[in-house]
Protein backbone atom coordinates (compact mmCIF):
# COMPACT_ATOMS: atom_id res chain seq x y z
CA UNK A 1 -54.63 -41.96 -7.00
CA UNK A 2 -51.38 -43.23 -5.46
CA UNK A 3 -49.25 -41.19 -7.99
CA UNK A 4 -51.33 -37.92 -7.20
CA UNK A 5 -50.51 -38.48 -3.50
CA UNK A 6 -46.90 -38.53 -3.66
CA UNK A 7 -46.77 -35.60 -6.13
CA UNK A 8 -49.12 -33.84 -3.94
CA UNK A 9 -46.57 -34.84 -0.80
CA UNK A 10 -43.60 -33.63 -2.99
CA UNK A 11 -45.30 -30.31 -3.50
CA UNK A 12 -46.34 -29.64 0.20
CA UNK A 13 -42.56 -30.72 1.43
CA UNK A 14 -41.42 -27.90 -1.26
CA UNK A 15 -44.02 -25.31 0.23
CA UNK A 16 -43.10 -26.30 3.62
CA UNK A 17 -39.00 -26.02 2.71
CA UNK A 18 -39.90 -22.49 1.17
CA UNK A 19 -41.41 -20.90 3.82
CA UNK A 20 -38.91 -22.02 6.08
CA UNK A 21 -36.56 -19.90 4.05
CA UNK A 22 -38.72 -17.31 3.17
CA UNK A 23 -40.17 -16.49 7.13
CA UNK A 24 -36.39 -16.04 7.93
CA UNK A 25 -36.36 -12.03 8.55
CA UNK A 26 -34.11 -9.37 8.35
CA UNK A 27 -34.13 -9.78 12.62
CA UNK A 28 -32.61 -13.26 11.95
CA UNK A 29 -30.23 -12.27 9.62
CA UNK A 30 -28.76 -9.56 12.00
CA UNK A 31 -28.96 -12.24 14.78
CA UNK A 32 -26.72 -14.38 12.32
CA UNK A 33 -24.19 -11.64 12.03
CA UNK A 34 -24.15 -10.70 15.42
CA UNK A 35 -22.85 -14.71 16.12
CA UNK A 36 -20.19 -14.24 13.17
CA UNK A 37 -22.21 -16.69 11.27
CA UNK A 38 -21.30 -14.72 8.20
CA UNK A 39 -22.29 -17.52 5.59
CA UNK A 40 -25.84 -18.23 7.23
CA UNK A 41 -26.47 -14.35 7.46
CA UNK A 42 -25.35 -14.28 3.44
CA UNK A 43 -27.91 -16.79 2.65
CA UNK A 44 -31.08 -15.31 4.42
CA UNK A 45 -29.67 -12.11 3.23
CA UNK A 46 -29.61 -13.07 -0.65
CA UNK A 47 -32.89 -14.54 -0.24
CA UNK A 48 -34.14 -11.32 1.25
CA UNK A 49 -32.68 -8.94 -1.52
CA UNK A 50 -34.97 -11.16 -3.91
CA UNK A 51 -38.01 -11.42 -1.91
CA UNK A 52 -38.01 -8.20 -0.38
CA UNK A 53 -35.90 -6.49 -3.53
CA UNK A 54 -37.28 -2.96 -2.89
CA UNK A 55 -36.14 -2.80 1.00
CA UNK A 56 -32.67 -1.16 0.81
CA UNK A 57 -32.01 -2.57 4.27
CA UNK A 58 -31.73 -5.90 2.99
CA UNK A 59 -28.97 -4.60 0.56
CA UNK A 60 -27.10 -2.65 3.45
CA UNK A 61 -26.99 -5.77 5.64
CA UNK A 62 -25.42 -7.66 2.99
CA UNK A 63 -22.93 -5.64 2.25
CA UNK A 64 -22.42 -4.93 5.95
CA UNK A 65 -21.83 -9.02 5.90
CA UNK A 66 -19.13 -8.68 2.98
CA UNK A 67 -17.34 -5.93 4.85
CA UNK A 68 -16.81 -8.45 8.00
CA UNK A 69 -15.29 -11.34 5.74
CA UNK A 70 -13.02 -8.51 4.25
CA UNK A 71 -14.58 -8.51 0.46
CA UNK A 72 -14.66 -5.19 -0.09
CA UNK A 73 -15.39 -4.86 -3.80
CA UNK A 74 -18.54 -6.88 -2.95
CA UNK A 75 -19.60 -4.70 -0.37
CA UNK A 76 -19.16 -1.85 -2.50
CA UNK A 77 -21.68 -3.31 -5.22
CA UNK A 78 -24.23 -4.26 -2.91
CA UNK A 79 -24.25 -0.70 -1.19
CA UNK A 80 -24.35 0.72 -4.71
CA UNK A 81 -27.68 -1.59 -5.10
CA UNK A 82 -29.11 -0.60 -2.37
CA UNK A 83 -28.89 2.97 -3.32
CA UNK A 84 -30.47 1.96 -6.39
CA UNK A 85 -33.48 0.79 -4.67
CA UNK A 86 -33.51 4.08 -2.63
CA UNK A 87 -31.57 6.64 -3.35
CA UNK A 88 -32.20 8.07 0.03
CA UNK A 89 -31.05 5.09 1.57
CA UNK A 90 -28.53 6.30 4.69
CA UNK A 91 -27.60 2.87 5.64
CA UNK A 92 -26.21 2.41 2.21
CA UNK A 93 -24.38 5.85 1.76
CA UNK A 94 -22.93 4.89 5.27
CA UNK A 95 -21.68 1.47 3.63
CA UNK A 96 -19.99 3.33 0.83
CA UNK A 97 -18.30 5.53 2.88
CA UNK A 98 -17.13 2.79 5.22
CA UNK A 99 -15.82 1.08 1.61
CA UNK A 100 -13.84 4.55 0.44
CA UNK A 101 -12.37 4.60 4.21
CA UNK A 102 -11.17 1.20 3.85
CA UNK A 103 -9.88 2.13 0.29
CA UNK A 104 -8.18 5.08 1.77
CA UNK A 105 -10.13 7.67 0.12
CA UNK A 106 -10.95 10.26 2.59
CA UNK A 107 -12.79 12.34 0.09
CA UNK A 108 -15.44 9.93 -1.25
CA UNK A 109 -15.76 8.80 2.58
CA UNK A 110 -16.74 12.39 3.68
CA UNK A 111 -19.21 12.89 0.58
CA UNK A 112 -21.04 9.35 1.36
CA UNK A 113 -21.20 9.97 5.35
CA UNK A 114 -22.35 13.53 4.36
CA UNK A 115 -25.18 12.09 2.32
CA UNK A 116 -26.04 9.65 5.25
CA UNK A 117 -26.05 12.15 7.50
CA UNK A 118 -28.30 14.29 5.44
CA UNK A 119 -31.01 11.10 4.66
CA UNK A 120 -30.96 10.18 7.91
CA UNK A 121 -34.25 10.70 10.11
CA UNK A 122 -34.19 13.04 13.66
CA UNK A 123 -34.49 10.28 15.81
CA UNK A 124 -32.60 7.09 13.73
CA UNK A 125 -29.56 6.14 15.62
CA UNK A 126 -28.72 3.20 12.99
CA UNK A 127 -26.56 5.36 10.07
CA UNK A 128 -24.43 6.79 12.96
CA UNK A 129 -23.94 3.36 14.48
CA UNK A 130 -22.48 1.55 11.55
CA UNK A 131 -20.65 4.92 10.76
CA UNK A 132 -18.99 4.47 13.96
CA UNK A 133 -18.58 0.64 13.70
CA UNK A 134 -17.22 1.26 10.15
CA UNK A 135 -14.64 3.43 11.40
CA UNK A 136 -13.23 1.06 14.05
CA UNK A 137 -12.57 -1.22 11.11
CA UNK A 138 -8.53 -1.16 11.11
CA UNK A 139 -7.21 -0.21 7.67
CA UNK A 140 -5.73 -2.51 5.51
CA UNK A 141 -2.32 -3.62 6.89
CA UNK A 142 -2.72 -2.19 10.26
CA UNK A 143 -3.26 -4.30 13.58
CA UNK A 144 -5.74 -1.81 14.97
CA UNK A 145 -7.20 1.60 14.70
CA UNK A 146 -5.75 4.71 14.69
CA UNK A 147 -6.85 7.47 16.74
CA UNK A 148 -7.85 9.93 14.33
CA UNK A 149 -10.42 7.39 13.01
CA UNK A 150 -11.43 6.15 16.79
CA UNK A 151 -11.91 9.93 17.34
CA UNK A 152 -14.62 9.96 14.61
CA UNK A 153 -16.12 6.96 15.46
CA UNK A 154 -16.69 8.13 19.03
CA UNK A 155 -18.15 11.23 17.41
CA UNK A 156 -20.39 9.43 15.30
CA UNK A 157 -21.57 7.01 18.16
CA UNK A 158 -22.11 9.98 20.48
CA UNK A 159 -24.61 11.12 17.96
CA UNK A 160 -26.00 7.70 17.77
CA UNK A 161 -26.82 7.69 21.54
CA UNK A 162 -27.96 11.15 21.49
CA UNK A 163 -30.72 10.33 18.39
CA UNK A 164 -31.41 7.39 20.36
CA UNK A 165 -30.76 7.13 24.37
CA UNK A 166 -32.30 3.97 24.45
CA UNK A 167 -30.44 2.01 21.71
CA UNK A 168 -28.70 -0.36 23.81
CA UNK A 169 -26.48 -1.18 20.24
CA UNK A 170 -25.39 2.30 19.95
CA UNK A 171 -24.11 2.24 23.73
CA UNK A 172 -21.98 -0.61 23.06
CA UNK A 173 -20.60 0.67 19.75
CA UNK A 174 -19.74 3.40 21.64
CA UNK A 175 -17.97 1.39 24.71
CA UNK A 176 -16.00 -0.84 22.11
CA UNK A 177 -14.56 2.48 20.40
CA UNK A 178 -13.53 4.21 23.79
CA UNK A 179 -12.09 0.61 24.40
CA UNK A 180 -10.13 0.67 21.33
CA UNK A 181 -8.12 3.54 22.48
CA UNK A 182 -7.89 2.39 25.95
CA UNK A 183 -10.18 4.59 28.16
CA UNK A 184 -11.37 2.05 29.94
CA UNK A 185 -13.42 4.06 32.59
CA UNK A 186 -15.38 5.60 29.55
CA UNK A 187 -15.90 2.26 27.93
CA UNK A 188 -17.20 0.73 31.14
CA UNK A 189 -19.56 3.25 31.57
CA UNK A 190 -21.06 2.82 27.97
CA UNK A 191 -21.11 -0.78 28.91
CA UNK A 192 -23.07 -0.40 31.72
CA UNK A 193 -25.38 1.56 30.32
CA UNK A 194 -25.96 -0.84 27.29
CA UNK A 195 -26.53 -3.76 30.15
CA UNK A 196 -29.18 -1.58 31.71
CA UNK A 197 -31.35 -0.78 28.36
CA UNK A 198 -30.61 -4.57 27.51
CA UNK A 199 -29.89 -7.05 30.06
CA UNK A 200 -30.25 -10.04 28.03
CA UNK A 201 -27.47 -8.75 25.20
CA UNK A 202 -24.79 -11.76 25.32
CA UNK A 203 -22.83 -9.25 23.33
CA UNK A 204 -22.59 -6.49 26.25
CA UNK A 205 -21.20 -9.25 28.65
CA UNK A 206 -18.51 -10.30 26.28
CA UNK A 207 -17.44 -6.67 25.33
CA UNK A 208 -17.29 -5.99 29.15
CA UNK A 209 -15.45 -9.50 29.36
CA UNK A 210 -12.55 -8.29 27.00
CA UNK A 211 -12.79 -4.92 29.15
CA UNK A 212 -11.59 -6.74 31.84
CA UNK A 213 -9.08 -9.26 30.55
CA UNK A 214 -7.41 -6.34 28.73
CA UNK A 215 -6.95 -5.11 32.23
CA UNK A 216 -4.97 -8.49 32.95
CA UNK A 217 -8.48 -9.58 35.20
CA UNK A 218 -8.94 -12.73 33.71
CA UNK A 219 -11.04 -14.28 35.89
CA UNK A 220 -13.52 -11.50 35.76
CA UNK A 221 -13.15 -11.50 31.91
CA UNK A 222 -14.17 -15.06 31.86
CA UNK A 223 -16.73 -14.89 34.24
CA UNK A 224 -18.57 -12.37 31.61
CA UNK A 225 -18.44 -14.83 28.89
CA UNK A 226 -19.94 -17.20 30.95
CA UNK A 227 -23.27 -15.11 31.56
CA UNK A 228 -23.27 -14.18 27.85
CA UNK A 229 -23.21 -17.94 27.35
CA UNK A 230 -25.91 -18.67 30.15
CA UNK A 231 -28.13 -16.16 28.22
CA UNK A 232 -27.22 -17.74 24.64
CA UNK A 233 -25.50 -20.99 24.63
CA UNK A 234 -24.95 -20.42 20.88
CA UNK A 235 -23.18 -16.98 21.28
CA UNK A 236 -19.98 -17.99 19.42
CA UNK A 237 -18.19 -14.57 20.30
CA UNK A 238 -18.25 -15.63 23.77
CA UNK A 239 -15.97 -18.58 22.99
CA UNK A 240 -13.75 -16.79 20.77
CA UNK A 241 -12.95 -13.80 23.25
CA UNK A 242 -13.02 -16.67 26.02
CA UNK A 243 -10.12 -18.26 23.85
CA UNK A 244 -8.10 -14.93 23.56
CA UNK A 245 -8.42 -14.50 26.92
CA UNK A 246 -6.82 -17.68 27.91
CA UNK A 247 -3.88 -17.15 25.47
CA UNK A 248 -3.49 -13.81 27.02
CA UNK A 249 -3.53 -15.37 30.85
CA UNK A 250 -0.69 -17.70 29.50
CA UNK A 251 1.58 -15.18 28.12
CA UNK A 252 1.03 -13.43 31.79
CA UNK A 253 1.56 -16.18 34.05
CA UNK A 254 3.89 -19.28 33.16
CA UNK A 255 2.31 -21.36 36.12
CA UNK A 256 -0.79 -21.74 33.83
CA UNK A 257 0.48 -21.11 30.62
CA UNK A 258 -0.04 -24.80 28.88
CA UNK A 259 -3.24 -25.21 30.67
CA UNK A 260 -4.49 -21.90 28.96
CA UNK A 261 -3.38 -22.61 25.51
CA UNK A 262 -4.64 -25.95 25.17
CA UNK A 263 -7.84 -24.31 26.97
CA UNK A 264 -7.89 -21.75 24.43
CA UNK A 265 -7.92 -23.60 21.24
CA UNK A 266 -10.37 -25.87 22.71
CA UNK A 267 -12.76 -22.87 23.07
CA UNK A 268 -11.75 -21.84 19.71
CA UNK A 269 -13.20 -24.96 18.21
CA UNK A 270 -16.15 -24.56 20.21
CA UNK A 271 -16.48 -21.21 18.40
CA UNK A 272 -15.95 -22.57 15.12
CA UNK A 273 -18.30 -25.07 15.93
CA UNK A 274 -21.22 -22.68 16.66
CA UNK A 275 -20.25 -20.53 13.42
CA UNK A 276 -20.22 -21.91 10.25
CA UNK A 277 -16.33 -22.76 9.58
CA UNK A 278 -16.19 -20.11 6.77
CA UNK A 279 -12.51 -19.38 5.32
CA UNK A 280 -12.87 -15.94 7.08
CA UNK A 281 -13.39 -17.93 10.37
CA UNK A 282 -10.73 -20.72 9.77
CA UNK A 283 -8.28 -17.73 8.95
CA UNK A 284 -9.28 -16.03 12.56
CA UNK A 285 -8.26 -19.36 13.90
CA UNK A 286 -5.44 -19.77 12.12
CA UNK A 287 -4.04 -16.03 13.70
CA UNK A 288 -4.85 -17.37 17.32
CA UNK A 289 -2.61 -20.45 16.50
CA UNK A 290 0.20 -18.44 15.25
CA UNK A 291 -0.08 -16.39 18.44
CA UNK A 292 -0.60 -19.65 20.72
CA UNK A 293 2.17 -21.26 18.97
CA UNK A 294 0.46 -24.51 17.71
CA UNK A 295 2.10 -25.01 14.75
CA UNK A 296 1.18 -28.53 13.92
CA UNK A 297 -2.51 -27.38 13.88
CA UNK A 298 -1.59 -24.08 11.92
CA UNK A 299 -0.10 -26.06 9.13
CA UNK A 300 -3.54 -28.68 9.20
CA UNK A 301 -5.54 -25.20 8.94
CA UNK A 302 -3.57 -23.84 6.42
CA UNK A 303 -3.73 -26.92 4.20
CA UNK A 304 -7.59 -26.73 4.47
CA UNK A 305 -7.63 -23.45 3.60
CA UNK A 306 -5.81 -23.67 0.29
CA UNK A 307 -7.91 -26.67 -0.55
CA UNK A 308 -10.88 -24.39 -0.22
CA UNK A 309 -13.10 -23.61 -3.18
CA UNK A 310 -13.12 -19.99 -2.53
CA UNK A 311 -9.47 -20.26 -1.12
CA UNK A 312 -8.37 -16.96 0.27
CA UNK A 313 -4.12 -16.39 -0.40
CA UNK A 314 -3.62 -15.85 2.93
CA UNK A 315 -3.49 -19.76 3.28
CA UNK A 316 0.03 -19.34 1.67
CA UNK A 317 0.87 -16.74 4.62
CA UNK A 318 -0.19 -19.82 7.11
CA UNK A 319 1.67 -22.23 5.08
CA UNK A 320 4.81 -20.60 4.90
CA UNK A 321 4.96 -19.80 8.83
CA UNK A 322 3.76 -23.30 9.80
CA UNK A 323 6.31 -24.98 7.59
CA UNK A 324 9.08 -23.08 8.88
CA UNK A 325 8.20 -23.76 12.59
CA UNK A 326 7.80 -27.71 11.36
CA UNK A 327 10.88 -27.58 9.44
CA UNK A 328 9.33 -28.19 6.56
CA UNK A 329 11.86 -25.50 5.10
CA UNK A 330 11.36 -26.11 1.13
CA UNK A 331 7.56 -26.22 1.16
CA UNK A 332 7.32 -23.01 3.89
CA UNK A 333 9.82 -20.87 1.41
CA UNK A 334 7.72 -22.03 -1.48
CA UNK A 335 4.62 -21.01 0.14
CA UNK A 336 5.70 -17.40 1.45
CA UNK A 337 7.14 -16.60 -2.13
CA UNK A 338 3.65 -17.28 -3.04
CA UNK A 339 2.09 -15.16 -0.79
CA UNK A 340 4.50 -12.31 -1.36
CA UNK A 341 3.99 -12.52 -5.57
CA UNK A 342 -0.22 -12.77 -5.08
CA UNK A 343 -0.71 -10.21 -1.97
CA UNK A 344 -1.49 -6.68 -2.19
CA UNK A 345 1.55 -4.57 -1.05
CA UNK A 346 -0.80 -3.47 2.10
CA UNK A 347 -1.67 -6.91 2.88
CA UNK A 348 1.94 -7.59 3.62
CA UNK A 349 2.88 -7.70 7.25
CA UNK A 350 6.42 -7.39 9.14
CA UNK A 351 5.99 -10.85 10.84
CA UNK A 352 5.90 -12.13 6.84
CA UNK A 353 9.26 -10.40 6.31
CA UNK A 354 10.83 -12.47 9.49
CA UNK A 355 9.18 -15.65 8.11
CA UNK A 356 10.87 -14.79 4.34
CA UNK A 357 14.21 -14.07 5.62
CA UNK A 358 13.99 -17.16 8.18
CA UNK A 359 13.36 -19.45 5.40
CA UNK A 360 15.70 -18.30 2.88
CA UNK A 361 18.54 -18.89 5.45
CA UNK A 362 17.08 -22.14 6.54
CA UNK A 363 16.99 -23.45 3.17
CA UNK A 364 20.54 -21.97 2.22
CA UNK A 365 18.86 -20.39 -0.96
CA UNK A 366 20.07 -16.63 -0.11
CA UNK A 367 21.41 -15.91 3.01
CA UNK A 368 22.40 -12.36 2.47
CA UNK A 369 18.56 -11.65 1.39
CA UNK A 370 17.41 -13.79 4.40
CA UNK A 371 19.15 -11.32 6.83
CA UNK A 372 18.04 -8.47 4.83
CA UNK A 373 14.47 -9.49 5.14
CA UNK A 374 15.16 -10.23 8.82
CA UNK A 375 16.15 -6.71 9.41
CA UNK A 376 13.36 -5.10 7.48
CA UNK A 377 10.78 -7.02 9.61
CA UNK A 378 12.76 -5.03 12.56
CA UNK A 379 12.50 -1.78 10.84
CA UNK A 380 8.66 -2.31 10.01
CA UNK A 381 7.76 -3.56 13.64
CA UNK A 382 10.37 -2.82 16.25
CA UNK A 383 8.93 -5.41 18.67
CA UNK A 384 10.18 -8.37 16.42
CA UNK A 385 13.67 -7.35 17.11
CA UNK A 386 14.04 -9.61 20.12
CA UNK A 387 13.61 -12.40 17.71
CA UNK A 388 15.29 -11.31 14.67
CA UNK A 389 18.22 -9.72 16.19
CA UNK A 390 19.36 -12.73 17.73
CA UNK A 391 18.95 -14.68 14.57
CA UNK A 392 21.19 -12.16 12.59
CA UNK A 393 23.39 -12.07 15.46
CA UNK A 394 23.51 -16.03 15.63
CA UNK A 395 23.90 -16.57 11.69
CA UNK A 396 26.88 -13.87 12.03
CA UNK A 397 28.59 -15.68 14.85
CA UNK A 398 28.10 -19.26 13.10
CA UNK A 399 29.84 -17.71 9.61
CA UNK A 400 32.37 -16.00 12.30
CA UNK A 401 31.44 -12.76 10.30
CA UNK A 402 32.30 -10.81 13.59
CA UNK A 403 32.74 -7.10 11.81
CA UNK A 404 29.51 -7.39 10.04
CA UNK A 405 27.71 -9.05 13.28
CA UNK A 406 29.78 -6.27 15.48
CA UNK A 407 28.52 -3.61 13.06
CA UNK A 408 24.78 -4.73 13.20
CA UNK A 409 24.91 -4.43 17.12
CA UNK A 410 26.18 -1.22 17.19
CA UNK A 411 23.32 0.35 14.93
CA UNK A 412 20.65 -1.56 16.80
CA UNK A 413 22.33 -0.36 20.25
CA UNK A 414 21.93 3.38 18.85
CA UNK A 415 17.89 2.36 18.73
CA UNK A 416 17.59 0.80 22.02
CA UNK A 417 16.41 2.10 24.95
CA UNK A 418 18.48 -0.38 27.27
CA UNK A 419 21.42 -0.87 25.10
CA UNK A 420 23.81 -2.32 27.46
CA UNK A 421 23.11 -6.14 25.56
CA UNK A 422 23.73 -4.64 22.16
CA UNK A 423 26.97 -2.87 23.32
CA UNK A 424 28.07 -5.90 25.06
CA UNK A 425 27.53 -8.11 21.75
CA UNK A 426 29.11 -5.44 19.82
CA UNK A 427 32.21 -5.55 21.96
CA UNK A 428 32.58 -9.01 22.11
CA UNK A 429 32.32 -9.31 18.28
CA UNK A 430 34.96 -6.56 17.53
CA UNK A 431 37.28 -8.51 20.18
CA UNK A 432 36.76 -12.30 18.30
CA UNK A 433 37.40 -9.88 15.10
CA UNK A 434 40.63 -8.83 16.20
CA UNK A 435 41.92 -12.70 16.47
CA UNK A 436 40.85 -13.09 12.72
CA UNK A 437 42.73 -9.66 11.41
CA UNK A 438 45.16 -7.92 14.21
CA UNK A 439 43.98 -4.54 13.25
CA UNK A 440 44.36 -2.13 16.35
CA UNK A 441 41.02 -0.20 15.22
CA UNK A 442 39.09 -3.22 15.68
CA UNK A 443 40.53 -3.08 19.59
CA UNK A 444 39.52 0.33 19.75
CA UNK A 445 35.81 -0.39 18.39
CA UNK A 446 35.12 -3.31 20.72
CA UNK A 447 36.77 -1.08 24.15
CA UNK A 448 34.67 2.11 23.03
CA UNK A 449 31.50 -0.26 22.96
CA UNK A 450 32.44 -1.65 26.70
CA UNK A 451 33.42 1.92 27.73
CA UNK A 452 29.72 2.85 26.62
CA UNK A 453 28.38 0.02 28.42
CA UNK A 454 30.22 0.62 31.22
CA UNK A 455 29.55 4.21 31.31
CA UNK A 456 25.57 3.67 31.11
CA UNK A 457 26.06 0.62 33.96
CA UNK A 458 29.23 1.28 35.84
CA UNK A 459 28.40 -1.42 38.89
CA UNK A 460 26.33 -3.93 37.05
CA UNK A 461 28.33 -6.46 34.65
CA UNK A 462 31.39 -7.66 35.87
CA UNK A 463 32.31 -8.81 32.28
CA UNK A 464 32.74 -5.58 30.95
CA UNK A 465 35.74 -4.82 32.91
CA UNK A 466 37.04 -8.59 31.71
CA UNK A 467 36.82 -7.62 28.61
CA UNK A 468 38.55 -4.26 28.97
CA UNK A 469 41.10 -5.93 30.94
CA UNK A 470 41.94 -8.06 28.06
CA UNK A 471 41.85 -5.37 25.57
CA UNK A 472 44.41 -3.19 28.22
CA UNK A 473 46.40 -6.37 28.24
CA UNK A 474 46.75 -6.70 24.54
CA UNK A 475 48.19 -3.21 24.30
CA UNK A 476 50.70 -3.77 27.52
CA UNK A 477 53.80 -4.70 27.00
CA UNK A 478 54.42 -8.34 25.45
CA UNK A 479 57.42 -9.02 27.99
CA UNK A 480 55.98 -9.90 31.23
CA UNK A 481 58.99 -8.34 33.38
CA UNK A 482 58.15 -4.98 31.76
CA UNK A 483 54.39 -4.75 31.94
CA UNK A 484 52.69 -0.88 32.81
CA UNK A 485 49.74 -3.06 34.39
CA UNK A 486 47.15 -1.41 32.40
CA UNK A 487 44.81 -4.13 32.49
CA UNK A 488 45.04 -3.72 36.60
CA UNK A 489 42.44 -0.89 37.37
CA UNK A 490 39.75 -3.20 35.02
CA UNK A 491 40.41 -6.71 36.85
CA UNK A 492 40.45 -5.09 40.16
CA UNK A 493 36.98 -3.72 39.67
CA UNK A 494 35.77 -7.36 37.92
CA UNK A 495 37.16 -8.95 41.10
CA UNK A 496 35.11 -6.12 43.52
CA UNK A 497 31.66 -6.80 41.31
CA UNK A 498 32.02 -10.55 41.22
CA UNK A 499 32.91 -10.98 45.28
CA UNK A 500 29.76 -8.66 45.54
CA UNK A 501 27.77 -10.92 43.50
CA UNK A 502 29.38 -14.33 43.07
CA UNK A 503 28.58 -16.05 40.27
CA UNK A 504 27.29 -19.75 40.02
CA UNK A 505 27.78 -20.27 36.19
CA UNK A 506 30.83 -21.75 34.80
CA UNK A 507 31.62 -18.85 32.48
CA UNK A 508 31.15 -16.44 35.22
CA UNK A 509 33.43 -18.37 37.33
CA UNK A 510 35.90 -18.64 34.83
CA UNK A 511 36.12 -15.01 34.40
CA UNK A 512 36.11 -14.08 37.99
CA UNK A 513 39.33 -16.60 37.83
CA UNK A 514 40.98 -14.97 34.67
CA UNK A 515 40.82 -11.77 36.71
CA UNK A 516 42.65 -13.02 39.80
CA UNK A 517 45.15 -15.07 37.68
CA UNK A 518 45.95 -11.44 35.84
CA UNK A 519 46.43 -9.92 39.38
CA UNK A 520 48.62 -12.68 40.24
CA UNK A 521 50.85 -12.20 37.06
CA UNK A 522 50.87 -8.34 38.01
CA UNK A 523 52.15 -8.99 41.60
CA UNK A 524 54.93 -11.65 40.27
CA UNK A 525 56.24 -9.85 37.36
CA UNK A 526 55.30 -5.86 38.18
CA UNK A 527 55.86 -5.73 42.21
CA UNK A 528 57.94 -8.99 42.33
CA UNK A 529 55.47 -10.17 45.71
CA UNK A 530 55.66 -13.51 45.45
CA UNK A 531 53.43 -13.88 48.60
CA UNK A 532 50.80 -12.02 46.81
CA UNK A 533 51.26 -13.50 43.80
CA UNK A 534 50.42 -16.90 45.38
CA UNK A 535 47.55 -15.84 47.17
CA UNK A 536 46.11 -14.53 43.78
CA UNK A 537 46.70 -17.40 41.63
CA UNK A 538 45.39 -19.76 44.45
CA UNK A 539 41.68 -17.98 44.50
CA UNK A 540 42.29 -18.23 40.12
CA UNK A 541 42.77 -22.02 40.55
CA UNK A 542 40.22 -22.86 43.43
CA UNK A 543 37.27 -20.69 40.73
CA UNK A 544 38.72 -22.58 37.92
CA UNK A 545 41.11 -25.52 38.49
CA UNK A 546 42.04 -25.42 34.59
CA UNK A 547 43.35 -21.86 34.60
CA UNK A 548 46.54 -21.91 32.20
CA UNK A 549 48.16 -18.88 34.57
CA UNK A 550 47.58 -20.47 37.59
CA UNK A 551 48.42 -24.02 36.52
CA UNK A 552 51.67 -22.42 35.02
CA UNK A 553 52.52 -20.89 38.13
CA UNK A 554 52.19 -23.79 40.46
CA UNK A 555 53.62 -26.22 38.10
CA UNK A 556 56.97 -23.89 38.18
CA UNK A 557 56.61 -23.89 41.77
CA UNK A 558 56.46 -27.78 41.98
CA UNK A 559 59.54 -28.02 39.46
CA UNK A 560 61.62 -25.45 41.52
CA UNK A 561 60.76 -27.49 45.03
CA UNK A 562 61.63 -30.68 43.19
CA UNK A 563 65.02 -29.21 41.59
CA UNK A 564 67.32 -29.18 44.96
CA UNK A 565 65.89 -32.73 45.83
CA UNK A 566 67.05 -33.97 42.53
CA UNK A 567 70.65 -32.38 42.93
CA UNK A 568 71.18 -33.65 46.48
CA UNK A 569 70.70 -37.01 45.23
């Protein structure tokens, strides 16, 4: 009897466990998707496609979950199964349309969207909601949705709100579409409508919070995330967006940067604890850590990803980035080379070329190729220029390849909105190259770069006139008694600008002293005015006691004064 009792208890336990799985509904799975608990949602939906195999919706939401995880092929197969179950399944045709769109197959996308529209009932908003949301997924290799896709999404979502004006999900998705194109007023109106239709929607509060945060109203954004958490303490996306807002706030205000980055990391950890910490969630966290500059943490996450059974090759990107920043260059180069070898071309980002170049240079494997990859990164994304261009010029300077460095700066100056710094750097490097190779054409190139900078900003940079003065002085007579004073107008202008805004740094004072010293020489040798020369050399010495011209002048004065005294003895 005891054995029979034990068997009965085990059987009862199995029934209870089974009932808890089967009791999970499609609504439960959709809530898991909204909360970005994708592994949990997939487990529920896979079960539903078996226990309720004739319901096409189960297949659609499973396919949609795959899309959120960037598993496009799995999504396509699942949507196709949904159409097998119901050849008139509007939702699954939407799914296939989205897959075709992400694969950049416009013809198939249109065909499937048209079939979805054909099979959508008069008051059914859902196919148009997911059509719009699918069009808002950025195409592979893109950071954001393009304007044409966003406009198409707005059209689809407007249709959804027309079909069912009381569908809060449609209003929320429409707001997201407007927000993607920075149409803040329209987005706010849509979010307000969504909250009026469903005041307990944590997703709508989070969306409105993102809108405020994008407008740099970080406090109001966080207030919305807190409202979402109050409605549902387990709604992970609220913590994720709070973390992203912390990061944006850190960029906006240096005073709170460290505090907000650390708070953001903690909020992201909370987000992950509320989701399933899948590979996809970890990769999203890794992207956050890159932007936050948390390289040690990134290397730990990347290592964790690389050991996962379903390891995504993006782990190589993260390993490459973090290893470079943590100065583990050989490991970084190996990882980034793996990423380039295994990733599809559309997955390669401009920043990947930046790190490939950095690692090639840092390991000393191929500096020429490294510089080429840094340049390619900037060509693909001009925003990387501030980092990469400085690194490239630093290499040229370190290797004393001044002509190559100057040519590089002239090239980027042509594309820059405010090219003055590039022109100054080009002029300096051409000037330095003359010291290596006394070729007058190099002086001409240097002077041309400085002249262009002077034309753009005539009263802002005294250093321009210092360099133009140096170049003019080189072109002047070597015999000081025969000097024409070609540099005089440049050094006079430098003195004028330095006097208006006296330099506080050592280099500025040295250049100021150089300007006075030249004028001292001009008055001494050209004008034969020793009193004026002494005035200029005195000012030069006050600014820079080590100025060679001033020291030479005063040493000669001292020697001349001492000579008669010695003679009288």
